[in-house]
């Protein structure tokens, strides 16, 4: 094989390898864009958040995730958010004041009588544990996860 043709083969192989690396990087970026995965999730650097002193945004996240009606008074007791690659989870413990369970939850999303995993949207599940503290006061423990 001539020296010129050998150099051409090396250049072609190098170009193909560079193109593969670029396409792989673009694929990872597209995947993270379309599926909402942060680069921290790829690197495993995103940490869990656990607190018994919930911020307003954490309390609202619990309200939304557990499908609790907007007008229901909530007091946060516990919050644990665990990020994952495609399997995040959220555990919320709240006190809710209302006349009945039906007044607390958005019944089109959640069935408060069901304590096993209920699929609230495709691939997203909710498990509830509800305790009546006194008439009109409920302790709700919700565990939300996606698969």
C-alpha atoms as a PDB file:
ATOM      1  CA  UNK A   1       0.000   0.000   0.000  1.00  0.00           C
ATOM      2  CA  UNK A   2       1.309   3.409  -0.893  1.00  0.00           C
ATOM      3  CA  UNK A   3       2.072   5.936   1.800  1.00  0.00           C
ATOM      4  CA  UNK A   4      -0.498   8.399   0.398  1.00  0.00           C
ATOM      5  CA  UNK A   5      -3.328   5.862   0.438  1.00  0.00           C
ATOM      6  CA  UNK A   6      -2.374   4.802   3.989  1.00  0.00           C
ATOM      7  CA  UNK A   7      -2.606   8.434   5.129  1.00  0.00           C
ATOM      8  CA  UNK A   8      -5.987   8.758   3.462  1.00  0.00           C
ATOM      9  CA  UNK A   9      -7.266   5.668   5.323  1.00  0.00           C
ATOM     10  CA  UNK A  10      -6.065   7.107   8.650  1.00  0.00           C
ATOM     11  CA  UNK A  11      -7.785  10.430   7.920  1.00  0.00           C
ATOM     12  CA  UNK A  12     -11.059   8.674   7.004  1.00  0.00           C
ATOM     13  CA  UNK A  13     -10.974   6.548  10.189  1.00  0.00           C
ATOM     14  CA  UNK A  14     -10.255   9.631  12.333  1.00  0.00           C
ATOM     15  CA  UNK A  15     -13.125  11.521  10.680  1.00  0.00           C
ATOM     16  CA  UNK A  16     -15.532   8.637  11.301  1.00  0.00           C
ATOM     17  CA  UNK A  17     -14.512   8.400  14.977  1.00  0.00           C
ATOM     18  CA  UNK A  18     -14.926  12.148  15.494  1.00  0.00           C
ATOM     19  CA  UNK A  19     -18.346  12.040  13.814  1.00  0.00           C
ATOM     20  CA  UNK A  20     -19.414   9.171  16.120  1.00  0.00           C
ATOM     21  CA  UNK A  21     -18.358  11.093  19.242  1.00  0.00           C
ATOM     22  CA  UNK A  22     -20.199  14.223  18.068  1.00  0.00           C
ATOM     23  CA  UNK A  23     -23.361  12.208  17.309  1.00  0.00           C
ATOM     24  CA  UNK A  24     -23.191  10.528  20.717  1.00  0.00           C
ATOM     25  CA  UNK A  25     -22.951  13.918  22.460  1.00  0.00           C
ATOM     26  CA  UNK A  26     -25.867  15.261  20.435  1.00  0.00           C
ATOM     27  CA  UNK A  27     -27.899  12.170  21.320  1.00  0.00           C
ATOM     28  CA  UNK A  28     -27.292  12.673  25.049  1.00  0.00           C
ATOM     29  CA  UNK A  29     -28.274  16.343  24.779  1.00  0.00           C
ATOM     30  CA  UNK A  30     -31.437  15.497  22.839  1.00  0.00           C
ATOM     31  CA  UNK A  31     -32.359  12.787  25.357  1.00  0.00           C
ATOM     32  CA  UNK A  32     -31.908  15.149  28.299  1.00  0.00           C
ATOM     33  CA  UNK A  33     -33.903  17.880  26.525  1.00  0.00           C
ATOM     34  CA  UNK A  34     -36.868  15.677  25.592  1.00  0.00           C
ATOM     35  CA  UNK A  35     -37.033  13.674  28.817  1.00  0.00           C
ATOM     36  CA  UNK A  36     -36.144  16.468  31.237  1.00  0.00           C
ATOM     37  CA  UNK A  37     -33.044  14.786  32.599  1.00  0.00           C
ATOM     38  CA  UNK A  38     -30.435  17.161  33.948  1.00  0.00           C
ATOM     39  CA  UNK A  39     -26.739  16.653  33.453  1.00  0.00           C
ATOM     40  CA  UNK A  40     -26.491  16.207  37.226  1.00  0.00           C
ATOM     41  CA  UNK A  41     -28.612  13.075  36.932  1.00  0.00           C
ATOM     42  CA  UNK A  42     -26.130  11.631  34.427  1.00  0.00           C
ATOM     43  CA  UNK A  43     -23.272  12.406  36.770  1.00  0.00           C
ATOM     44  CA  UNK A  44     -25.138  11.277  39.890  1.00  0.00           C
ATOM     45  CA  UNK A  45     -24.477  14.578  41.674  1.00  0.00           C
ATOM     46  CA  UNK A  46     -28.076  15.641  42.324  1.00  0.00           C
ATOM     47  CA  UNK A  47     -28.830  15.070  45.997  1.00  0.00           C
ATOM     48  CA  UNK A  48     -32.007  14.197  47.854  1.00  0.00           C
ATOM     49  CA  UNK A  49     -33.844  16.926  49.743  1.00  0.00           C
ATOM     50  CA  UNK A  50     -35.261  16.036  53.142  1.00  0.00           C
ATOM     51  CA  UNK A  51     -36.813  18.413  55.653  1.00  0.00           C
ATOM     52  CA  UNK A  52     -39.413  18.761  58.390  1.00  0.00           C
ATOM     53  CA  UNK A  53     -39.529  22.534  57.854  1.00  0.00           C
ATOM     54  CA  UNK A  54     -41.213  22.784  54.445  1.00  0.00           C
ATOM     55  CA  UNK A  55     -40.884  25.914  52.342  1.00  0.00           C
ATOM     56  CA  UNK A  56     -43.936  27.320  50.564  1.00  0.00           C
ATOM     57  CA  UNK A  57     -42.753  25.868  47.240  1.00  0.00           C
ATOM     58  CA  UNK A  58     -42.253  22.410  48.794  1.00  0.00           C
ATOM     59  CA  UNK A  59     -45.708  22.564  50.367  1.00  0.00           C
ATOM     60  CA  UNK A  60     -47.209  23.560  47.012  1.00  0.00           C
ATOM     61  CA  UNK A  61     -45.324  20.734  45.317  1.00  0.00           C
ATOM     62  CA  UNK A  62     -46.903  18.341  47.840  1.00  0.00           C
ATOM     63  CA  UNK A  63     -50.338  19.862  47.180  1.00  0.00           C
ATOM     64  CA  UNK A  64     -49.947  19.415  43.428  1.00  0.00           C
ATOM     65  CA  UNK A  65     -48.430  15.935  43.609  1.00  0.00           C
ATOM     66  CA  UNK A  66     -51.043  14.592  46.038  1.00  0.00           C
ATOM     67  CA  UNK A  67     -53.875  16.315  44.084  1.00  0.00           C
ATOM     68  CA  UNK A  68     -55.059  18.307  47.108  1.00  0.00           C
ATOM     69  CA  UNK A  69     -57.626  21.010  46.378  1.00  0.00           C
ATOM     70  CA  UNK A  70     -56.425  24.611  46.285  1.00  0.00           C
ATOM     71  CA  UNK A  71     -58.612  25.882  49.155  1.00  0.00           C
ATOM     72  CA  UNK A  72     -57.600  23.209  51.684  1.00  0.00           C
ATOM     73  CA  UNK A  73     -55.424  24.496  54.551  1.00  0.00           C
ATOM     74  CA  UNK A  74     -52.186  22.492  54.752  1.00  0.00           C
ATOM     75  CA  UNK A  75     -49.421  22.240  57.309  1.00  0.00           C
ATOM     76  CA  UNK A  76     -46.257  20.436  56.288  1.00  0.00           C
ATOM     77  CA  UNK A  77     -44.689  17.803  58.527  1.00  0.00           C
ATOM     78  CA  UNK A  78     -42.179  16.008  56.298  1.00  0.00           C
ATOM     79  CA  UNK A  79     -40.748  16.277  52.779  1.00  0.00           C
ATOM     80  CA  UNK A  80     -38.352  13.953  50.982  1.00  0.00           C
ATOM     81  CA  UNK A  81     -37.541  14.372  47.305  1.00  0.00           C
ATOM     82  CA  UNK A  82     -35.234  11.751  45.799  1.00  0.00           C
ATOM     83  CA  UNK A  83     -34.063  12.427  42.249  1.00  0.00           C
ATOM     84  CA  UNK A  84     -33.346   9.616  39.870  1.00  0.00           C
ATOM     85  CA  UNK A  85     -32.411   9.146  36.265  1.00  0.00           C
ATOM     86  CA  UNK A  86     -36.003   8.442  35.216  1.00  0.00           C
ATOM     87  CA  UNK A  87     -37.404   7.373  38.578  1.00  0.00           C
ATOM     88  CA  UNK A  88     -37.824  10.377  40.867  1.00  0.00           C
ATOM     89  CA  UNK A  89     -39.821   9.990  44.072  1.00  0.00           C
ATOM     90  CA  UNK A  90     -41.472  12.381  46.517  1.00  0.00           C
ATOM     91  CA  UNK A  91     -42.735  11.657  50.005  1.00  0.00           C
ATOM     92  CA  UNK A  92     -44.938  14.233  51.724  1.00  0.00           C
ATOM     93  CA  UNK A  93     -46.549  14.179  55.144  1.00  0.00           C
ATOM     94  CA  UNK A  94     -49.079  16.968  55.654  1.00  0.00           C
ATOM     95  CA  UNK A  95     -51.910  17.913  57.978  1.00  0.00           C
ATOM     96  CA  UNK A  96     -55.062  18.968  56.138  1.00  0.00           C
ATOM     97  CA  UNK A  97     -58.141  20.692  57.519  1.00  0.00           C
ATOM     98  CA  UNK A  98     -61.405  19.940  55.744  1.00  0.00           C
ATOM     99  CA  UNK A  99     -64.881  18.562  56.374  1.00  0.00           C
ATOM    100  CA  UNK A 100     -64.221  15.297  54.520  1.00  0.00           C
ATOM    101  CA  UNK A 101     -61.664  13.437  52.421  1.00  0.00           C
ATOM    102  CA  UNK A 102     -63.727  14.210  49.339  1.00  0.00           C
ATOM    103  CA  UNK A 103     -63.250  17.925  50.073  1.00  0.00           C
ATOM    104  CA  UNK A 104     -59.463  17.489  50.300  1.00  0.00           C
ATOM    105  CA  UNK A 105     -58.619  15.646  47.093  1.00  0.00           C
ATOM    106  CA  UNK A 106     -59.251  16.236  43.426  1.00  0.00           C
ATOM    107  CA  UNK A 107     -61.281  13.068  42.918  1.00  0.00           C
ATOM    108  CA  UNK A 108     -60.723  13.110  39.166  1.00  0.00           C
ATOM    109  CA  UNK A 109     -57.029  12.372  39.884  1.00  0.00           C
ATOM    110  CA  UNK A 110     -56.904  10.530  43.228  1.00  0.00           C
ATOM    111  CA  UNK A 111     -59.092   7.988  44.982  1.00  0.00           C
ATOM    112  CA  UNK A 112     -58.482   8.605  48.730  1.00  0.00           C
ATOM    113  CA  UNK A 113     -60.028   5.268  49.666  1.00  0.00           C
ATOM    114  CA  UNK A 114     -57.337   3.383  47.727  1.00  0.00           C
ATOM    115  CA  UNK A 115     -54.188   2.870  49.802  1.00  0.00           C
ATOM    116  CA  UNK A 116     -52.232   0.785  47.303  1.00  0.00           C
ATOM    117  CA  UNK A 117     -50.284   2.219  44.385  1.00  0.00           C
ATOM    118  CA  UNK A 118     -52.687   4.054  42.110  1.00  0.00           C
ATOM    119  CA  UNK A 119     -51.558   5.189  38.682  1.00  0.00           C
ATOM    120  CA  UNK A 120     -52.393   8.896  38.477  1.00  0.00           C
ATOM    121  CA  UNK A 121     -50.811   9.371  35.046  1.00  0.00           C
ATOM    122  CA  UNK A 122     -48.849   7.070  32.735  1.00  0.00           C
ATOM    123  CA  UNK A 123     -45.833   5.748  34.654  1.00  0.00           C
ATOM    124  CA  UNK A 124     -46.590   7.873  37.742  1.00  0.00           C
ATOM    125  CA  UNK A 125     -47.993   6.332  40.888  1.00  0.00           C
ATOM    126  CA  UNK A 126     -49.247   7.522  44.274  1.00  0.00           C
ATOM    127  CA  UNK A 127     -49.606   5.615  47.533  1.00  0.00           C
ATOM    128  CA  UNK A 128     -51.608   7.232  50.350  1.00  0.00           C
ATOM    129  CA  UNK A 129     -51.866   6.643  54.081  1.00  0.00           C
ATOM    130  CA  UNK A 130     -54.567   8.745  55.733  1.00  0.00           C
ATOM    131  CA  UNK A 131     -55.202   9.104  59.457  1.00  0.00           C
ATOM    132  CA  UNK A 132     -58.067  11.027  61.061  1.00  0.00           C
ATOM    133  CA  UNK A 133     -56.535  12.991  63.951  1.00  0.00           C
ATOM    134  CA  UNK A 134     -59.823  14.578  64.996  1.00  0.00           C
ATOM    135  CA  UNK A 135     -62.979  15.565  63.119  1.00  0.00           C
ATOM    136  CA  UNK A 136     -61.901  17.910  60.325  1.00  0.00           C
ATOM    137  CA  UNK A 137     -58.137  17.237  60.721  1.00  0.00           C
ATOM    138  CA  UNK A 138     -56.370  14.592  58.631  1.00  0.00           C
ATOM    139  CA  UNK A 139     -52.747  13.451  58.505  1.00  0.00           C
ATOM    140  CA  UNK A 140     -51.929  12.487  54.936  1.00  0.00           C
ATOM    141  CA  UNK A 141     -48.796  10.609  54.011  1.00  0.00           C
ATOM    142  CA  UNK A 142     -48.274  10.434  50.297  1.00  0.00           C
ATOM    143  CA  UNK A 143     -45.553   8.632  48.394  1.00  0.00           C
ATOM    144  CA  UNK A 144     -45.320   9.550  44.710  1.00  0.00           C
ATOM    145  CA  UNK A 145     -42.948   7.837  42.299  1.00  0.00           C
ATOM    146  CA  UNK A 146     -42.417   7.363  38.600  1.00  0.00           C
ATOM    147  CA  UNK A 147     -41.103   4.378  36.719  1.00  0.00           C
END
